[in-house]
């Protein structure tokens, strides 16, 4: 059975910006997904966050951002829309760990599935140390190589 992960925007952005730190690990995760070694589920919030981050990258044209967004949808990821239950849990996690509700939404989804939450943000990993399903991207590369 494939591992199940909920990567946050800090991971997914590296699928489109390979010059970034930990891009190789992020691409390894994407390849594991494409080869059915890993199941990837994301909150619909990801689409907006990714488009926003890419929009502010000065080296990308509008067309390039639009193409990146299209390719994200073309990957066939499992998208989860907000629910009262998930949003309430995200608020509680955000308060408990001093996070934005945006960040906590990914954590709440991973907890509910259950799945591993994967982030490239080391500070976020530390804030979520009480959650055993939280993984730092730099530590997951070998685990997803079926």
N, C-alpha and C. Protein backbone atom coordinates (compact mmCIF):
# COMPACT_ATOMS: atom_id res chain seq x y z
N UNK A 1 0.85 -1.19 0.00
CA UNK A 1 0.00 0.00 0.00
C UNK A 1 0.88 1.25 0.00
N UNK A 2 0.52 2.22 -0.78
CA UNK A 2 1.30 3.45 -0.91
C UNK A 2 1.19 4.29 0.37
N UNK A 3 2.27 4.97 0.66
CA UNK A 3 2.23 5.94 1.75
C UNK A 3 1.27 7.06 1.37
N UNK A 4 0.73 7.74 2.35
CA UNK A 4 -0.21 8.83 2.11
C UNK A 4 0.38 10.10 2.70
N UNK A 5 0.49 11.15 1.89
CA UNK A 5 1.07 12.40 2.37
C UNK A 5 0.19 13.59 2.00
N UNK A 6 0.29 14.61 2.84
CA UNK A 6 -0.30 15.92 2.58
C UNK A 6 0.86 16.91 2.57
N UNK A 7 1.38 17.25 1.39
CA UNK A 7 2.46 18.23 1.32
C UNK A 7 1.87 19.63 1.36
N UNK A 8 2.60 20.55 1.98
CA UNK A 8 2.10 21.93 1.98
C UNK A 8 2.67 22.69 0.79
N UNK A 9 2.34 23.95 0.71
CA UNK A 9 2.74 24.78 -0.43
C UNK A 9 4.25 24.91 -0.52
N UNK A 10 4.94 24.89 0.62
CA UNK A 10 6.41 25.01 0.60
C UNK A 10 7.05 23.83 -0.12
N UNK A 11 6.37 22.71 -0.17
CA UNK A 11 6.86 21.52 -0.89
C UNK A 11 6.46 21.61 -2.36
N UNK A 12 5.19 21.87 -2.61
CA UNK A 12 4.66 21.88 -3.98
C UNK A 12 5.33 22.95 -4.83
N UNK A 13 5.67 24.09 -4.23
CA UNK A 13 6.31 25.16 -5.00
C UNK A 13 7.61 24.68 -5.63
N UNK A 14 8.27 23.75 -4.96
CA UNK A 14 9.55 23.24 -5.46
C UNK A 14 9.36 22.32 -6.68
N UNK A 15 8.15 21.89 -6.93
CA UNK A 15 7.86 21.13 -8.14
C UNK A 15 7.93 22.03 -9.36
N UNK A 16 7.82 23.34 -9.13
CA UNK A 16 7.80 24.32 -10.22
C UNK A 16 8.99 25.27 -10.19
N UNK A 17 9.73 25.29 -9.10
CA UNK A 17 10.89 26.17 -8.92
C UNK A 17 12.07 25.33 -8.49
N UNK A 18 12.69 24.64 -9.43
CA UNK A 18 13.71 23.65 -9.08
C UNK A 18 15.00 24.24 -8.51
N UNK A 19 15.20 25.54 -8.61
CA UNK A 19 16.40 26.14 -8.05
C UNK A 19 16.36 26.30 -6.55
N UNK A 20 15.27 26.00 -5.92
CA UNK A 20 15.11 26.22 -4.49
C UNK A 20 15.75 25.12 -3.65
N UNK A 21 16.05 25.46 -2.40
CA UNK A 21 16.58 24.49 -1.45
C UNK A 21 15.57 23.35 -1.29
N UNK A 22 16.05 22.13 -1.25
CA UNK A 22 15.25 20.91 -1.09
C UNK A 22 14.41 20.58 -2.33
N UNK A 23 14.71 21.22 -3.46
CA UNK A 23 13.94 20.93 -4.68
C UNK A 23 14.09 19.46 -5.08
N UNK A 24 15.27 18.90 -4.92
CA UNK A 24 15.48 17.49 -5.30
C UNK A 24 14.57 16.57 -4.48
N UNK A 25 14.46 16.82 -3.18
CA UNK A 25 13.60 16.00 -2.32
C UNK A 25 12.13 16.16 -2.73
N UNK A 26 11.75 17.39 -3.07
CA UNK A 26 10.36 17.63 -3.49
C UNK A 26 10.07 16.91 -4.81
N UNK A 27 11.03 16.95 -5.72
CA UNK A 27 10.85 16.26 -7.01
C UNK A 27 10.82 14.75 -6.82
N UNK A 28 11.57 14.25 -5.85
CA UNK A 28 11.54 12.82 -5.52
C UNK A 28 10.15 12.43 -5.03
N UNK A 29 9.57 13.28 -4.21
CA UNK A 29 8.21 13.03 -3.72
C UNK A 29 7.21 13.04 -4.88
N UNK A 30 7.35 14.02 -5.77
CA UNK A 30 6.46 14.08 -6.93
C UNK A 30 6.60 12.82 -7.80
N UNK A 31 7.84 12.39 -8.01
CA UNK A 31 8.06 11.20 -8.82
C UNK A 31 7.46 9.95 -8.15
N UNK A 32 7.59 9.89 -6.83
CA UNK A 32 7.00 8.77 -6.10
C UNK A 32 5.48 8.77 -6.27
N UNK A 33 4.89 9.95 -6.30
CA UNK A 33 3.44 10.06 -6.56
C UNK A 33 3.12 9.57 -7.97
N UNK A 34 3.89 10.04 -8.95
CA UNK A 34 3.64 9.67 -10.34
C UNK A 34 3.80 8.17 -10.58
N UNK A 35 4.63 7.53 -9.77
CA UNK A 35 4.86 6.09 -9.89
C UNK A 35 3.98 5.27 -8.94
N UNK A 36 3.01 5.94 -8.31
CA UNK A 36 2.04 5.30 -7.40
C UNK A 36 2.68 4.72 -6.13
N UNK A 37 3.81 5.24 -5.73
CA UNK A 37 4.40 4.83 -4.45
C UNK A 37 3.81 5.65 -3.31
N UNK A 38 3.29 6.83 -3.64
CA UNK A 38 2.78 7.75 -2.63
C UNK A 38 1.44 8.30 -3.10
N UNK A 39 0.49 8.35 -2.21
CA UNK A 39 -0.79 9.01 -2.48
C UNK A 39 -0.69 10.43 -1.94
N UNK A 40 -1.07 11.41 -2.74
CA UNK A 40 -0.99 12.81 -2.34
C UNK A 40 -2.39 13.41 -2.28
N UNK A 41 -2.70 13.99 -1.13
CA UNK A 41 -3.97 14.69 -0.92
C UNK A 41 -3.65 16.10 -0.46
N UNK A 42 -4.38 17.07 -0.99
CA UNK A 42 -4.12 18.47 -0.63
C UNK A 42 -5.44 19.21 -0.41
N UNK A 43 -5.43 20.21 0.46
CA UNK A 43 -6.62 21.05 0.59
C UNK A 43 -6.71 21.99 -0.61
N UNK A 44 -7.91 22.36 -0.99
CA UNK A 44 -8.09 23.24 -2.15
C UNK A 44 -7.38 24.57 -1.97
N UNK A 45 -7.13 24.95 -0.74
CA UNK A 45 -6.37 26.16 -0.43
C UNK A 45 -5.02 26.19 -1.17
N UNK A 46 -4.43 25.02 -1.39
CA UNK A 46 -3.13 24.94 -2.04
C UNK A 46 -3.11 25.65 -3.38
N UNK A 47 -4.15 25.50 -4.17
CA UNK A 47 -4.18 26.11 -5.51
C UNK A 47 -4.02 27.62 -5.43
N UNK A 48 -4.70 28.24 -4.49
CA UNK A 48 -4.61 29.69 -4.33
C UNK A 48 -3.25 30.11 -3.80
N UNK A 49 -2.75 29.37 -2.81
CA UNK A 49 -1.44 29.70 -2.25
C UNK A 49 -0.34 29.58 -3.29
N UNK A 50 -0.36 28.49 -4.06
CA UNK A 50 0.67 28.30 -5.07
C UNK A 50 0.61 29.40 -6.12
N UNK A 51 -0.58 29.69 -6.62
CA UNK A 51 -0.73 30.74 -7.63
C UNK A 51 -0.24 32.08 -7.08
N UNK A 52 -0.52 32.36 -5.82
CA UNK A 52 -0.10 33.62 -5.22
C UNK A 52 1.42 33.70 -5.09
N UNK A 53 2.04 32.63 -4.62
CA UNK A 53 3.51 32.62 -4.48
C UNK A 53 4.16 32.81 -5.85
N UNK A 54 3.69 32.07 -6.84
CA UNK A 54 4.27 32.18 -8.18
C UNK A 54 4.03 33.55 -8.79
N UNK A 55 2.88 34.14 -8.52
CA UNK A 55 2.55 35.47 -9.04
C UNK A 55 3.58 36.51 -8.59
N UNK A 56 4.10 36.34 -7.37
CA UNK A 56 5.06 37.30 -6.84
C UNK A 56 6.51 36.99 -7.21
N UNK A 57 6.75 35.92 -7.95
CA UNK A 57 8.10 35.61 -8.44
C UNK A 57 8.32 36.47 -9.69
N UNK A 58 9.20 37.46 -9.58
CA UNK A 58 9.40 38.42 -10.65
C UNK A 58 9.92 37.84 -11.95
N UNK A 59 10.52 36.65 -11.87
CA UNK A 59 11.08 36.05 -13.08
C UNK A 59 10.07 35.25 -13.87
N UNK A 60 8.82 35.16 -13.40
CA UNK A 60 7.79 34.39 -14.10
C UNK A 60 6.77 35.33 -14.74
N UNK A 61 6.42 35.04 -15.97
CA UNK A 61 5.38 35.80 -16.65
C UNK A 61 4.01 35.29 -16.19
N UNK A 62 2.99 36.04 -16.50
CA UNK A 62 1.63 35.61 -16.18
C UNK A 62 1.34 34.27 -16.84
N UNK A 63 1.76 34.12 -18.08
CA UNK A 63 1.54 32.87 -18.80
C UNK A 63 2.23 31.71 -18.10
N UNK A 64 3.45 31.91 -17.62
CA UNK A 64 4.17 30.85 -16.92
C UNK A 64 3.46 30.46 -15.63
N UNK A 65 2.93 31.44 -14.91
CA UNK A 65 2.19 31.14 -13.68
C UNK A 65 0.93 30.36 -14.03
N UNK A 66 0.23 30.79 -15.07
CA UNK A 66 -0.99 30.08 -15.49
C UNK A 66 -0.68 28.65 -15.91
N UNK A 67 0.43 28.45 -16.60
CA UNK A 67 0.82 27.10 -17.02
C UNK A 67 1.18 26.22 -15.82
N UNK A 68 1.84 26.80 -14.82
CA UNK A 68 2.18 26.05 -13.62
C UNK A 68 0.91 25.61 -12.89
N UNK A 69 -0.05 26.53 -12.78
CA UNK A 69 -1.31 26.20 -12.12
C UNK A 69 -2.03 25.10 -12.90
N UNK A 70 -2.04 25.20 -14.22
CA UNK A 70 -2.69 24.16 -15.03
C UNK A 70 -2.01 22.81 -14.82
N UNK A 71 -0.68 22.81 -14.80
CA UNK A 71 0.04 21.54 -14.62
C UNK A 71 -0.21 20.95 -13.24
N UNK A 72 -0.44 21.80 -12.24
CA UNK A 72 -0.78 21.30 -10.91
C UNK A 72 -2.08 20.50 -10.97
N UNK A 73 -3.07 21.04 -11.67
CA UNK A 73 -4.35 20.33 -11.79
C UNK A 73 -4.22 19.10 -12.68
N UNK A 74 -3.35 19.17 -13.67
CA UNK A 74 -3.15 18.04 -14.58
C UNK A 74 -2.54 16.83 -13.88
N UNK A 75 -1.89 17.04 -12.72
CA UNK A 75 -1.28 15.94 -11.98
C UNK A 75 -2.32 14.97 -11.41
N UNK A 76 -3.55 15.42 -11.27
CA UNK A 76 -4.59 14.53 -10.76
C UNK A 76 -4.50 14.27 -9.27
N UNK A 77 -4.02 15.22 -8.51
CA UNK A 77 -3.97 15.08 -7.06
C UNK A 77 -5.37 14.95 -6.49
N UNK A 78 -5.47 14.40 -5.30
CA UNK A 78 -6.75 14.34 -4.60
C UNK A 78 -6.93 15.67 -3.86
N UNK A 79 -7.96 16.41 -4.25
CA UNK A 79 -8.25 17.73 -3.66
C UNK A 79 -9.37 17.60 -2.65
N UNK A 80 -9.21 18.26 -1.51
CA UNK A 80 -10.24 18.23 -0.47
C UNK A 80 -10.73 19.65 -0.23
N UNK A 81 -12.04 19.82 -0.33
CA UNK A 81 -12.65 21.12 -0.08
C UNK A 81 -12.82 21.33 1.43
N UNK A 82 -12.95 22.57 1.86
CA UNK A 82 -13.10 22.82 3.29
C UNK A 82 -14.40 22.23 3.84
N UNK A 83 -14.35 21.87 5.08
CA UNK A 83 -15.56 21.45 5.80
C UNK A 83 -15.51 22.11 7.17
N UNK A 84 -16.65 22.18 7.80
CA UNK A 84 -16.70 22.79 9.14
C UNK A 84 -15.78 22.04 10.10
N UNK A 85 -15.80 20.73 10.02
CA UNK A 85 -14.98 19.91 10.92
C UNK A 85 -13.48 20.19 10.72
N UNK A 86 -13.03 20.16 9.45
CA UNK A 86 -11.61 20.41 9.18
C UNK A 86 -11.21 21.83 9.57
N UNK A 87 -12.06 22.80 9.27
CA UNK A 87 -11.72 24.19 9.58
C UNK A 87 -11.69 24.42 11.09
N UNK A 88 -12.62 23.80 11.82
CA UNK A 88 -12.60 23.94 13.27
C UNK A 88 -11.31 23.34 13.85
N UNK A 89 -10.91 22.20 13.32
CA UNK A 89 -9.67 21.57 13.79
C UNK A 89 -8.47 22.42 13.43
N UNK A 90 -8.47 23.01 12.24
CA UNK A 90 -7.38 23.89 11.82
C UNK A 90 -7.25 25.09 12.75
N UNK A 91 -8.37 25.65 13.16
CA UNK A 91 -8.35 26.79 14.09
C UNK A 91 -7.73 26.37 15.42
N UNK A 92 -8.11 25.19 15.92
CA UNK A 92 -7.56 24.71 17.19
C UNK A 92 -6.06 24.47 17.08
N UNK A 93 -5.62 23.84 15.99
CA UNK A 93 -4.18 23.61 15.80
C UNK A 93 -3.44 24.93 15.67
N UNK A 94 -4.02 25.86 14.94
CA UNK A 94 -3.39 27.18 14.76
C UNK A 94 -3.21 27.88 16.10
N UNK A 95 -4.21 27.83 16.93
CA UNK A 95 -4.11 28.45 18.26
C UNK A 95 -3.09 27.72 19.14
N UNK A 96 -3.15 26.40 19.14
CA UNK A 96 -2.26 25.61 19.99
C UNK A 96 -0.79 25.77 19.61
N UNK A 97 -0.51 25.92 18.33
CA UNK A 97 0.87 25.92 17.84
C UNK A 97 1.33 27.28 17.34
N UNK A 98 0.51 28.31 17.50
CA UNK A 98 0.82 29.66 17.05
C UNK A 98 1.15 29.69 15.56
N UNK A 99 0.20 29.19 14.76
CA UNK A 99 0.33 29.13 13.30
C UNK A 99 -0.79 29.93 12.65
N UNK A 100 -0.67 30.14 11.35
CA UNK A 100 -1.80 30.67 10.60
C UNK A 100 -2.79 29.53 10.40
N UNK A 101 -4.03 29.86 10.21
CA UNK A 101 -5.03 28.85 9.91
C UNK A 101 -4.71 28.21 8.56
N UNK A 102 -4.09 28.98 7.66
CA UNK A 102 -3.70 28.43 6.36
C UNK A 102 -2.75 27.24 6.54
N UNK A 103 -1.70 27.43 7.35
CA UNK A 103 -0.76 26.34 7.60
C UNK A 103 -1.44 25.19 8.33
N UNK A 104 -2.25 25.52 9.30
CA UNK A 104 -2.91 24.50 10.11
C UNK A 104 -3.92 23.68 9.31
N UNK A 105 -4.44 24.23 8.23
CA UNK A 105 -5.41 23.49 7.40
C UNK A 105 -4.78 22.24 6.81
N UNK A 106 -3.51 22.32 6.41
CA UNK A 106 -2.82 21.16 5.87
C UNK A 106 -2.62 20.11 6.96
N UNK A 107 -2.28 20.58 8.15
CA UNK A 107 -2.05 19.68 9.29
C UNK A 107 -3.36 18.98 9.68
N UNK A 108 -4.44 19.74 9.75
CA UNK A 108 -5.74 19.17 10.11
C UNK A 108 -6.17 18.11 9.09
N UNK A 109 -5.92 18.38 7.81
CA UNK A 109 -6.27 17.40 6.78
C UNK A 109 -5.46 16.12 6.95
N UNK A 110 -4.15 16.27 7.17
CA UNK A 110 -3.29 15.09 7.35
C UNK A 110 -3.74 14.28 8.57
N UNK A 111 -4.07 14.96 9.64
CA UNK A 111 -4.53 14.28 10.85
C UNK A 111 -5.82 13.51 10.59
N UNK A 112 -6.73 14.10 9.84
CA UNK A 112 -8.04 13.49 9.61
C UNK A 112 -7.97 12.28 8.68
N UNK A 113 -7.00 12.23 7.80
CA UNK A 113 -7.02 11.19 6.76
C UNK A 113 -6.82 9.76 7.26
N UNK A 114 -5.89 9.36 8.01
CA UNK A 114 -4.63 9.98 8.42
C UNK A 114 -3.56 9.84 7.34
N UNK A 115 -2.64 10.82 7.36
CA UNK A 115 -1.52 10.85 6.42
C UNK A 115 -0.38 11.59 7.08
N UNK A 116 0.78 11.54 6.46
CA UNK A 116 1.91 12.35 6.93
C UNK A 116 1.78 13.75 6.35
N UNK A 117 1.99 14.75 7.18
CA UNK A 117 2.07 16.13 6.72
C UNK A 117 3.53 16.40 6.42
N UNK A 118 3.84 16.88 5.20
CA UNK A 118 5.22 17.13 4.79
C UNK A 118 5.37 18.61 4.48
N UNK A 119 6.39 19.23 5.08
CA UNK A 119 6.68 20.65 4.86
C UNK A 119 8.17 20.86 4.66
N UNK A 120 8.51 21.90 3.92
CA UNK A 120 9.91 22.29 3.74
C UNK A 120 10.29 23.39 4.72
N UNK A 121 9.38 23.74 5.61
CA UNK A 121 9.57 24.81 6.58
C UNK A 121 10.02 24.21 7.92
N UNK A 122 11.31 24.34 8.21
CA UNK A 122 11.85 23.74 9.45
C UNK A 122 11.22 24.35 10.70
N UNK A 123 10.98 25.65 10.68
CA UNK A 123 10.36 26.30 11.85
C UNK A 123 8.96 25.73 12.09
N UNK A 124 8.22 25.53 11.02
CA UNK A 124 6.89 24.94 11.15
C UNK A 124 6.98 23.52 11.72
N UNK A 125 7.96 22.77 11.26
CA UNK A 125 8.17 21.41 11.78
C UNK A 125 8.40 21.46 13.29
N UNK A 126 9.21 22.40 13.75
CA UNK A 126 9.47 22.52 15.19
C UNK A 126 8.21 22.90 15.95
N UNK A 127 7.42 23.81 15.41
CA UNK A 127 6.19 24.22 16.09
C UNK A 127 5.19 23.07 16.20
N UNK A 128 5.29 22.12 15.29
CA UNK A 128 4.36 20.99 15.26
C UNK A 128 4.98 19.72 15.83
N UNK A 129 6.01 19.87 16.64
CA UNK A 129 6.75 18.72 17.16
C UNK A 129 5.86 17.75 17.94
N UNK A 130 4.76 18.20 18.50
CA UNK A 130 3.87 17.33 19.27
C UNK A 130 3.05 16.39 18.38
N UNK A 131 3.08 16.63 17.08
CA UNK A 131 2.29 15.81 16.14
C UNK A 131 3.23 14.80 15.47
N UNK A 132 3.05 13.52 15.75
CA UNK A 132 4.00 12.50 15.25
C UNK A 132 3.94 12.28 13.74
N UNK A 133 2.93 12.79 13.07
CA UNK A 133 2.78 12.59 11.63
C UNK A 133 3.38 13.75 10.81
N UNK A 134 4.04 14.68 11.47
CA UNK A 134 4.65 15.83 10.79
C UNK A 134 6.06 15.44 10.35
N UNK A 135 6.37 15.69 9.08
CA UNK A 135 7.68 15.34 8.51
C UNK A 135 8.29 16.55 7.83
N UNK A 136 9.58 16.73 8.05
CA UNK A 136 10.35 17.76 7.34
C UNK A 136 10.77 17.18 6.00
N UNK A 137 10.61 17.93 4.93
CA UNK A 137 10.91 17.45 3.59
C UNK A 137 12.32 16.90 3.47
N UNK A 138 13.27 17.52 4.14
CA UNK A 138 14.65 17.07 4.07
C UNK A 138 14.86 15.68 4.64
N UNK A 139 13.89 15.19 5.41
CA UNK A 139 14.00 13.88 6.05
C UNK A 139 13.18 12.79 5.36
N UNK A 140 12.40 13.14 4.33
CA UNK A 140 11.48 12.15 3.77
C UNK A 140 11.94 11.55 2.44
N UNK A 141 12.98 12.05 1.85
CA UNK A 141 13.42 11.59 0.53
C UNK A 141 13.58 10.09 0.42
N UNK A 142 14.31 9.49 1.35
CA UNK A 142 14.58 8.06 1.28
C UNK A 142 13.34 7.22 1.59
N UNK A 143 12.41 7.76 2.38
CA UNK A 143 11.23 7.01 2.76
C UNK A 143 10.28 6.80 1.59
N UNK A 144 10.29 7.69 0.58
CA UNK A 144 9.34 7.59 -0.51
C UNK A 144 9.90 6.88 -1.74
N UNK A 145 11.14 6.50 -1.69
CA UNK A 145 11.74 5.78 -2.82
C UNK A 145 11.41 4.31 -2.70
N UNK A 146 10.23 3.93 -3.24
CA UNK A 146 9.75 2.56 -3.15
C UNK A 146 10.82 1.61 -3.46
